[in-house]
Amino acid sequence: MKFKIVIDKDEDGWYVVTVPALPGCVSQGKTEKEAKKNITEAIELHLSALARDGIPLYNPEGAKETFVAVNI
C-alpha cells in the first residue's frame, strides 16, 4: 500500500512529514532519508491502531470526497 506524504523543513532544520490520508500521522527526522524511514514506521503503527480499534481506513460508503477552490 502506498501513501502520499508531505515533507516540510522546520525552522530548526528538521524534516517534518505528514500523511494527508491519515490525519494525525506525523513524524520527523534530521535528514529527509531518516524522516521517510520514520514516517514508514509511523504509518504502520497508525494503521495497526486503526485496525485494532475497528476504525475503517477509507470513507464509509456513500461519503463523497471532492475539492473546492479558494481565492487568497
C-alpha atoms as a PDB file:
ATOM      1  CA  MET A   1       0.000   0.000   0.000  1.00  0.00           C
ATOM      2  CA  LYS A   2       1.368   3.421  -0.911  1.00  0.00           C
ATOM      3  CA  PHE A   3       0.624   6.717   0.798  1.00  0.00           C
ATOM      4  CA  LYS A   4       1.276  10.264  -0.355  1.00  0.00           C
ATOM      5  CA  ILE A   5       3.459  12.100   2.173  1.00  0.00           C
ATOM      6  CA  VAL A   6       4.262  15.790   2.594  1.00  0.00           C
ATOM      7  CA  ILE A   7       7.755  16.774   3.743  1.00  0.00           C
ATOM      8  CA  ASP A   8       8.486  20.212   5.187  1.00  0.00           C
ATOM      9  CA  LYS A   9      11.674  21.529   6.719  1.00  0.00           C
ATOM     10  CA  ASP A  10      11.047  23.334  10.012  1.00  0.00           C
ATOM     11  CA  GLU A  11      12.849  26.357  11.438  1.00  0.00           C
ATOM     12  CA  ASP A  12      15.290  24.100  13.310  1.00  0.00           C
ATOM     13  CA  GLY A  13      16.287  22.230  10.155  1.00  0.00           C
ATOM     14  CA  TRP A  14      14.337  19.034  10.908  1.00  0.00           C
ATOM     15  CA  TYR A  15      12.266  17.356   8.194  1.00  0.00           C
ATOM     16  CA  VAL A  16       8.645  17.005   9.319  1.00  0.00           C
ATOM     17  CA  VAL A  17       6.479  14.515   7.453  1.00  0.00           C
ATOM     18  CA  THR A  18       2.686  14.238   7.405  1.00  0.00           C
ATOM     19  CA  VAL A  19       0.323  11.832   5.670  1.00  0.00           C
ATOM     20  CA  PRO A  20      -2.744  13.627   4.247  1.00  0.00           C
ATOM     21  CA  ALA A  21      -4.767  10.398   4.101  1.00  0.00           C
ATOM     22  CA  LEU A  22      -4.042   9.662   7.772  1.00  0.00           C
ATOM     23  CA  PRO A  23      -4.772  12.739   9.896  1.00  0.00           C
ATOM     24  CA  GLY A  24      -2.553  12.798  12.959  1.00  0.00           C
ATOM     25  CA  CYS A  25       0.117  10.584  11.414  1.00  0.00           C
ATOM     26  CA  VAL A  26       3.266  12.705  11.720  1.00  0.00           C
ATOM     27  CA  SER A  27       6.976  12.027  12.065  1.00  0.00           C
ATOM     28  CA  GLN A  28      10.301  13.774  11.597  1.00  0.00           C
ATOM     29  CA  GLY A  29      13.997  13.216  11.005  1.00  0.00           C
ATOM     30  CA  LYS A  30      17.293  15.054  10.855  1.00  0.00           C
ATOM     31  CA  THR A  31      17.582  14.128   7.171  1.00  0.00           C
ATOM     32  CA  GLU A  32      14.961  13.551   4.501  1.00  0.00           C
ATOM     33  CA  LYS A  33      16.001   9.893   4.329  1.00  0.00           C
ATOM     34  CA  GLU A  34      15.600   9.481   8.102  1.00  0.00           C
ATOM     35  CA  ALA A  35      12.240  11.273   8.004  1.00  0.00           C
ATOM     36  CA  LYS A  36      10.966   8.901   5.290  1.00  0.00           C
ATOM     37  CA  LYS A  37      12.125   5.887   7.309  1.00  0.00           C
ATOM     38  CA  ASN A  38      10.421   7.240  10.420  1.00  0.00           C
ATOM     39  CA  ILE A  39       7.124   8.029   8.669  1.00  0.00           C
ATOM     40  CA  THR A  40       7.041   4.498   7.260  1.00  0.00           C
ATOM     41  CA  GLU A  41       7.122   3.160  10.816  1.00  0.00           C
ATOM     42  CA  ALA A  42       4.563   5.758  11.938  1.00  0.00           C
ATOM     43  CA  ILE A  43       2.190   4.736   9.121  1.00  0.00           C
ATOM     44  CA  GLU A  44       2.482   1.067  10.099  1.00  0.00           C
ATOM     45  CA  LEU A  45       1.722   1.894  13.743  1.00  0.00           C
ATOM     46  CA  HIS A  46      -1.138   4.196  12.767  1.00  0.00           C
ATOM     47  CA  LEU A  47      -2.738   1.539  10.563  1.00  0.00           C
ATOM     48  CA  SER A  48      -2.334  -1.072  13.304  1.00  0.00           C
ATOM     49  CA  ALA A  49      -4.098   1.213  15.788  1.00  0.00           C
ATOM     50  CA  LEU A  50      -6.951   1.866  13.346  1.00  0.00           C
ATOM     51  CA  ALA A  51      -7.367  -1.875  12.750  1.00  0.00           C
ATOM     52  CA  ARG A  52      -7.223  -2.635  16.493  1.00  0.00           C
ATOM     53  CA  ASP A  53      -9.922  -0.038  17.188  1.00  0.00           C
ATOM     54  CA  GLY A  54     -12.081  -1.137  14.247  1.00  0.00           C
ATOM     55  CA  ILE A  55     -11.825   2.234  12.501  1.00  0.00           C
ATOM     56  CA  PRO A  56     -12.171   1.975   8.705  1.00  0.00           C
ATOM     57  CA  LEU A  57      -9.311   3.293   6.611  1.00  0.00           C
ATOM     58  CA  TYR A  58     -11.477   4.526   3.766  1.00  0.00           C
ATOM     59  CA  ASN A  59     -14.502   6.795   3.699  1.00  0.00           C
ATOM     60  CA  PRO A  60     -17.716   4.980   4.530  1.00  0.00           C
ATOM     61  CA  GLU A  61     -19.939   4.017   1.635  1.00  0.00           C
ATOM     62  CA  GLY A  62     -21.972   6.970   0.499  1.00  0.00           C
ATOM     63  CA  ALA A  63     -19.386   9.523   1.671  1.00  0.00           C
ATOM     64  CA  LYS A  64     -18.267  11.879  -1.049  1.00  0.00           C
ATOM     65  CA  GLU A  65     -14.786  13.324  -1.449  1.00  0.00           C
ATOM     66  CA  THR A  66     -14.255  16.368  -3.624  1.00  0.00           C
ATOM     67  CA  PHE A  67     -12.200  19.552  -3.895  1.00  0.00           C
ATOM     68  CA  VAL A  68     -13.002  23.231  -3.634  1.00  0.00           C
ATOM     69  CA  ALA A  69     -11.091  26.263  -4.897  1.00  0.00           C
ATOM     70  CA  VAL A  70     -10.175  29.063  -2.518  1.00  0.00           C
ATOM     71  CA  ASN A  71      -9.031  32.543  -3.549  1.00  0.00           C
ATOM     72  CA  ILE A  72      -6.479  34.142  -1.255  1.00  0.00           C
END
